[in-house]
Amino acid sequence: MKKIILVFLTIFFITGCDLFKRDSMENITIITTNYALEYVTDYLYGDNSLVTSIYPDGVDIANYTFTEKQIKDYSKKDMFIYMGKTNDSNQAVTFINNNNKIKIIDATFGMDYKNKEDELWLNPSNLLMISQNVKNGLSEYITSTYLLKNIDTLYENLKVDLSNLDAEYKTSIENADYKTIVVNSDSLLYLEKYNLEVISLDKNNPNYERNLALFQSNLKNQTIKYFYVYENTEITDEADKIIGENNVETLNIKNLKNITDEERDLDENYLSIMYNNLEELKKELYKSN
């Protein structure tokens, strides 16, 4: 009898809680791409998995290169959730080539964007669609009724959070005294959905020259006070010159592609950062001259 008990205990310590799993999808490791997607995945399934981004905190994702060791280590994870409408799809192919058993979910299945890919997650309505895709993707792999119900409940909670965020942006802009902002990136053109005039000084914007003139005109008329700089995005030389000559104050807008160690320590998350972005926008929308 003692030998039987000893064997059982040995198996228990080797396999851990796997003996009591209700579903093969419990206690899995999930990797995602940008922070916004990590947030959604962790919200929906973090209680039953370890969710991490493949990008270290604080790095500029656009200029980050993975080592061979990182690729091999990430390929060993149980699941990869990515945005197929972006360059993430290339990373998915790499992981699958290294491990054809890794489960995958394309969080942007059936979606598209108008200006730049960032609006897939900056626009709360789009992130809600991403959340639904993640929920549906997880549900295809899960068999436990309990886990499925839990995901549905969490999705409904997240739906309320994102809908409230969207409504807060809409109401704040509707009630604003001023409804024009100047930005350095087309990524912020998604704000036009709220009937906000966004003058973009993105070098690739087809109306770049016209927008430079609009910027100067608004400064002359004192209808613009700030210039919004999208995180990790350069300001063109022409725009920088105008800013310097007119002592225009620049304000930063976080891109939600990644967050810093400090922000994690402060328990900042997608919602809090998006609300912080809104507060920055309000400085222009509700300014006093």
Protein backbone atom coordinates (compact mmCIF):
# COMPACT_ATOMS: atom_id res chain seq x y z
CA MET A 1 0.00 0.00 0.00
CA LYS A 2 2.82 2.40 0.89
CA LYS A 3 4.43 1.72 -2.48
CA ILE A 4 1.17 2.50 -4.26
CA ILE A 5 0.79 5.77 -2.36
CA LEU A 6 4.42 6.66 -3.10
CA VAL A 7 3.92 6.02 -6.81
CA PHE A 8 0.79 8.15 -6.81
CA LEU A 9 2.54 11.03 -5.06
CA THR A 10 5.45 10.82 -7.47
CA ILE A 11 3.09 11.03 -10.44
CA PHE A 12 1.26 13.91 -8.80
CA PHE A 13 4.39 15.97 -8.27
CA ILE A 14 5.62 15.27 -11.79
CA THR A 15 2.36 16.13 -13.51
CA GLY A 16 1.19 18.77 -11.06
CA CYS A 17 -2.39 19.83 -11.47
CA ASP A 18 -2.70 18.12 -14.87
CA LEU A 19 -4.38 15.20 -13.08
CA PHE A 20 -7.29 17.48 -12.25
CA LYS A 21 -7.60 19.28 -15.56
CA ARG A 22 -11.14 19.60 -16.87
CA ASP A 23 -9.84 20.49 -20.32
CA SER A 24 -6.58 20.21 -22.27
CA MET A 25 -6.73 24.00 -22.63
CA GLU A 26 -6.28 24.57 -18.92
CA ASN A 27 -2.94 25.84 -17.58
CA ILE A 28 -1.52 26.46 -21.05
CA THR A 29 1.03 29.05 -22.17
CA ILE A 30 -0.18 31.65 -24.67
CA ILE A 31 1.93 34.18 -26.53
CA THR A 32 0.55 37.21 -28.32
CA THR A 33 1.98 40.05 -30.35
CA ASN A 34 1.29 43.63 -29.29
CA TYR A 35 0.18 44.73 -25.83
CA ALA A 36 -3.45 45.48 -26.76
CA LEU A 37 -3.86 41.87 -27.89
CA GLU A 38 -2.09 40.61 -24.77
CA TYR A 39 -4.54 42.63 -22.66
CA VAL A 40 -7.60 41.17 -24.39
CA THR A 41 -6.30 37.60 -24.20
CA ASP A 42 -5.33 37.89 -20.56
CA TYR A 43 -8.72 39.42 -19.74
CA LEU A 44 -10.59 36.56 -21.38
CA TYR A 45 -8.38 33.62 -20.45
CA GLY A 46 -5.69 34.73 -18.03
CA ASP A 47 -7.18 32.72 -15.18
CA ASN A 48 -6.55 29.51 -17.09
CA SER A 49 -3.29 30.29 -18.84
CA LEU A 50 -0.07 32.25 -18.71
CA VAL A 51 -0.37 35.05 -21.27
CA THR A 52 2.68 37.02 -22.38
CA SER A 53 3.67 39.16 -25.33
CA ILE A 54 6.55 38.03 -27.54
CA TYR A 55 7.94 41.56 -27.23
CA PRO A 56 9.86 42.66 -24.12
CA ASP A 57 8.30 45.59 -22.29
CA GLY A 58 9.39 49.00 -23.46
CA VAL A 59 10.87 48.05 -26.84
CA ASP A 60 9.85 49.69 -30.10
CA ILE A 61 8.09 46.78 -31.80
CA ALA A 62 8.62 48.15 -35.31
CA ASN A 63 12.39 47.99 -34.89
CA TYR A 64 12.71 44.85 -32.79
CA THR A 65 14.43 41.72 -34.12
CA PHE A 66 14.04 38.28 -32.54
CA THR A 67 17.00 36.01 -31.89
CA GLU A 68 16.99 32.39 -33.05
CA LYS A 69 16.75 31.29 -29.42
CA GLN A 70 13.68 33.44 -28.84
CA ILE A 71 11.99 32.02 -31.92
CA LYS A 72 12.69 28.45 -30.80
CA ASP A 73 11.49 29.16 -27.26
CA TYR A 74 8.30 30.88 -28.41
CA SER A 75 7.57 28.09 -30.87
CA LYS A 76 7.35 25.67 -27.93
CA LYS A 77 4.39 27.51 -26.42
CA ASP A 78 0.90 26.04 -26.56
CA MET A 79 -0.82 28.83 -28.47
CA PHE A 80 -0.02 31.92 -30.52
CA ILE A 81 -2.62 34.68 -30.94
CA TYR A 82 -1.77 37.28 -33.56
CA MET A 83 -3.24 39.93 -35.85
CA GLY A 84 -3.27 38.49 -39.33
CA LYS A 85 -4.00 41.88 -40.94
CA THR A 86 -0.54 43.03 -39.86
CA ASN A 87 3.00 41.70 -40.23
CA ASP A 88 2.18 39.40 -37.32
CA SER A 89 1.21 36.82 -39.92
CA ASN A 90 4.88 36.39 -40.83
CA GLN A 91 5.65 35.55 -37.22
CA ALA A 92 2.84 32.99 -37.18
CA VAL A 93 4.36 31.22 -40.19
CA THR A 94 7.76 31.12 -38.46
CA PHE A 95 6.34 29.56 -35.30
CA ILE A 96 4.30 27.00 -37.23
CA ASN A 97 7.34 26.01 -39.27
CA ASN A 98 9.17 25.35 -36.00
CA ASN A 99 6.25 23.58 -34.33
CA ASN A 100 3.25 22.41 -36.36
CA LYS A 101 1.41 21.54 -33.13
CA ILE A 102 1.22 25.10 -31.84
CA LYS A 103 -2.38 26.32 -31.76
CA ILE A 104 -3.05 29.63 -33.48
CA ILE A 105 -5.79 32.25 -33.53
CA ASP A 106 -5.98 35.15 -35.99
CA ALA A 107 -7.55 37.88 -33.88
CA THR A 108 -8.29 40.09 -36.91
CA PHE A 109 -10.08 37.45 -38.99
CA GLY A 110 -12.68 39.15 -41.19
CA MET A 111 -11.48 42.64 -40.27
CA ASP A 112 -9.80 45.45 -42.16
CA TYR A 113 -8.59 48.99 -41.53
CA LYS A 114 -8.85 52.28 -43.42
CA ASN A 115 -5.65 54.21 -42.74
CA LYS A 116 -3.05 52.42 -40.62
CA GLU A 117 -3.12 49.08 -38.82
CA ASP A 118 -2.97 50.76 -35.39
CA GLU A 119 -6.67 51.60 -35.67
CA LEU A 120 -7.35 47.88 -35.27
CA TRP A 121 -6.69 48.27 -31.56
CA LEU A 122 -6.87 52.03 -30.92
CA ASN A 123 -10.48 52.11 -32.05
CA PRO A 124 -12.41 50.51 -29.13
CA SER A 125 -15.03 49.17 -31.55
CA ASN A 126 -12.33 47.35 -33.49
CA LEU A 127 -10.75 45.97 -30.33
CA LEU A 128 -14.15 44.62 -29.36
CA MET A 129 -14.27 42.73 -32.67
CA ILE A 130 -10.77 41.45 -31.96
CA SER A 131 -11.97 40.31 -28.53
CA GLN A 132 -14.84 38.44 -30.14
CA ASN A 133 -12.45 36.71 -32.54
CA VAL A 134 -10.21 35.69 -29.63
CA LYS A 135 -13.22 34.38 -27.70
CA ASN A 136 -14.47 32.42 -30.71
CA GLY A 137 -10.98 31.10 -31.43
CA LEU A 138 -10.51 29.87 -27.87
CA SER A 139 -13.97 28.29 -27.94
CA GLU A 140 -12.98 26.17 -30.93
CA TYR A 141 -10.24 24.53 -28.87
CA ILE A 142 -12.06 24.27 -25.53
CA THR A 143 -14.44 21.44 -24.68
CA SER A 144 -15.23 22.25 -21.03
CA THR A 145 -18.67 23.81 -20.61
CA TYR A 146 -17.47 25.58 -17.48
CA LEU A 147 -14.56 27.25 -19.29
CA LEU A 148 -16.75 28.22 -22.23
CA LYS A 149 -19.31 29.88 -19.96
CA ASN A 150 -16.55 31.66 -18.09
CA ILE A 151 -15.12 33.10 -21.32
CA ASP A 152 -18.57 34.24 -22.42
CA THR A 153 -19.08 36.03 -19.10
CA LEU A 154 -15.70 37.74 -19.26
CA TYR A 155 -16.31 38.76 -22.86
CA GLU A 156 -19.57 40.43 -21.88
CA ASN A 157 -17.72 42.32 -19.13
CA LEU A 158 -15.02 43.40 -21.56
CA LYS A 159 -17.71 44.42 -24.04
CA VAL A 160 -19.13 46.81 -21.42
CA ASP A 161 -15.67 48.25 -20.66
CA LEU A 162 -14.82 48.89 -24.31
CA SER A 163 -18.28 50.25 -25.10
CA ASN A 164 -17.99 52.68 -22.19
CA LEU A 165 -14.56 53.75 -23.42
CA ASP A 166 -15.93 54.34 -26.90
CA ALA A 167 -18.85 56.32 -25.48
CA GLU A 168 -16.52 58.44 -23.35
CA TYR A 169 -14.48 59.43 -26.41
CA LYS A 170 -17.65 60.17 -28.36
CA THR A 171 -19.23 62.30 -25.61
CA SER A 172 -16.02 64.18 -24.81
CA ILE A 173 -15.53 65.18 -28.44
CA GLU A 174 -19.21 66.02 -29.01
CA ASN A 175 -19.25 68.38 -26.03
CA ALA A 176 -15.87 69.97 -26.79
CA ASP A 177 -15.46 73.68 -27.51
CA TYR A 178 -12.83 72.93 -30.16
CA LYS A 179 -12.95 70.01 -32.56
CA THR A 180 -9.62 70.13 -34.40
CA ILE A 181 -6.29 68.55 -33.52
CA VAL A 182 -2.95 68.36 -35.33
CA VAL A 183 -1.02 65.08 -35.24
CA ASN A 184 2.14 63.60 -36.71
CA SER A 185 0.71 60.23 -37.72
CA ASP A 186 -2.16 58.88 -39.81
CA SER A 187 -2.61 56.28 -37.07
CA LEU A 188 -4.71 58.87 -35.21
CA LEU A 189 -7.08 59.44 -38.12
CA TYR A 190 -9.36 56.86 -36.52
CA LEU A 191 -10.50 59.73 -34.26
CA GLU A 192 -12.41 61.12 -37.24
CA LYS A 193 -15.10 58.54 -36.46
CA TYR A 194 -16.07 60.84 -33.58
CA ASN A 195 -16.47 63.81 -35.96
CA LEU A 196 -13.14 65.25 -34.88
CA GLU A 197 -11.09 67.10 -37.50
CA VAL A 198 -7.65 65.48 -37.52
CA ILE A 199 -4.96 67.39 -39.42
CA SER A 200 -2.29 64.79 -40.06
CA LEU A 201 1.30 65.81 -40.77
CA ASP A 202 2.27 62.27 -41.62
CA LYS A 203 4.75 62.46 -44.50
CA ASN A 204 2.82 59.71 -46.29
CA ASN A 205 -0.50 61.52 -46.04
CA PRO A 206 -1.62 62.55 -49.56
CA ASN A 207 -2.67 65.96 -48.17
CA TYR A 208 0.59 66.59 -46.36
CA GLU A 209 1.39 69.94 -48.00
CA ARG A 210 -2.14 71.21 -47.57
CA ASN A 211 -2.16 70.10 -43.94
CA LEU A 212 1.07 71.98 -43.26
CA ALA A 213 -0.66 75.13 -44.46
CA LEU A 214 -3.70 74.33 -42.32
CA PHE A 215 -1.46 73.91 -39.28
CA GLN A 216 0.11 77.31 -39.84
CA SER A 217 -3.27 78.90 -40.47
CA ASN A 218 -4.73 77.50 -37.26
CA LEU A 219 -1.72 78.71 -35.30
CA LYS A 220 -2.11 82.18 -36.77
CA ASN A 221 -5.80 82.20 -35.84
CA GLN A 222 -4.95 80.80 -32.40
CA THR A 223 -7.36 77.91 -32.84
CA ILE A 224 -4.61 75.34 -32.26
CA LYS A 225 -2.45 75.22 -29.15
CA TYR A 226 -0.88 71.75 -29.13
CA PHE A 227 0.78 69.28 -31.48
CA TYR A 228 0.14 65.57 -30.83
CA VAL A 229 3.05 63.16 -31.21
CA TYR A 230 2.16 59.51 -31.68
CA GLU A 231 4.54 57.28 -29.73
CA ASN A 232 7.67 56.11 -31.60
CA THR A 233 6.75 58.14 -34.67
CA GLU A 234 8.97 60.86 -36.11
CA ILE A 235 7.99 64.47 -36.66
CA THR A 236 8.81 65.71 -40.16
CA ASP A 237 11.39 68.45 -40.55
CA GLU A 238 8.78 70.88 -41.88
CA ALA A 239 6.42 70.28 -38.97
CA ASP A 240 9.27 70.45 -36.48
CA LYS A 241 10.30 73.82 -37.87
CA ILE A 242 6.79 75.22 -37.48
CA ILE A 243 6.59 73.87 -33.93
CA GLY A 244 9.89 75.50 -33.01
CA GLU A 245 9.15 78.86 -34.61
CA ASN A 246 5.79 79.10 -32.87
CA ASN A 247 6.74 77.54 -29.51
CA VAL A 248 4.01 74.94 -29.89
CA GLU A 249 3.71 72.52 -26.99
CA THR A 250 3.83 68.84 -27.96
CA LEU A 251 1.74 66.19 -26.22
CA ASN A 252 2.30 62.44 -26.45
CA ILE A 253 -0.24 59.78 -27.39
CA LYS A 254 0.55 56.18 -26.42
CA ASN A 255 0.27 53.63 -29.22
CA LEU A 256 -0.67 50.60 -27.06
CA LYS A 257 1.68 48.39 -29.08
CA ASN A 258 3.73 47.94 -25.95
CA ILE A 259 3.96 49.17 -22.38
CA THR A 260 6.89 49.75 -20.04
CA ASP A 261 7.95 47.92 -16.89
CA GLU A 262 7.01 51.02 -14.93
CA GLU A 263 3.49 51.04 -16.36
CA ARG A 264 3.04 47.40 -15.37
CA ASP A 265 4.30 48.17 -11.86
CA LEU A 266 1.70 50.93 -11.64
CA ASP A 267 -1.01 48.50 -12.82
CA GLU A 268 -1.64 50.53 -15.95
CA ASN A 269 -3.55 48.67 -18.65
CA TYR A 270 -5.21 49.18 -22.01
CA LEU A 271 -8.22 50.97 -20.55
CA SER A 272 -6.31 53.28 -18.22
CA ILE A 273 -3.84 54.25 -20.95
CA MET A 274 -6.63 54.91 -23.44
CA TYR A 275 -8.36 57.13 -20.88
CA ASN A 276 -5.02 58.91 -20.31
CA ASN A 277 -4.80 59.48 -24.08
CA LEU A 278 -8.26 61.03 -23.94
CA GLU A 279 -7.20 63.37 -21.15
CA GLU A 280 -4.33 64.53 -23.35
CA LEU A 281 -6.75 65.18 -26.21
CA LYS A 282 -9.02 67.18 -23.92
CA LYS A 283 -6.22 69.70 -23.38
CA GLU A 284 -6.80 70.84 -26.95
CA LEU A 285 -10.52 70.22 -27.10
CA TYR A 286 -11.26 72.13 -23.90
CA LYS A 287 -8.42 74.65 -23.91
CA SER A 288 -8.91 78.21 -22.76
CA ASN A 289 -7.29 80.95 -24.84
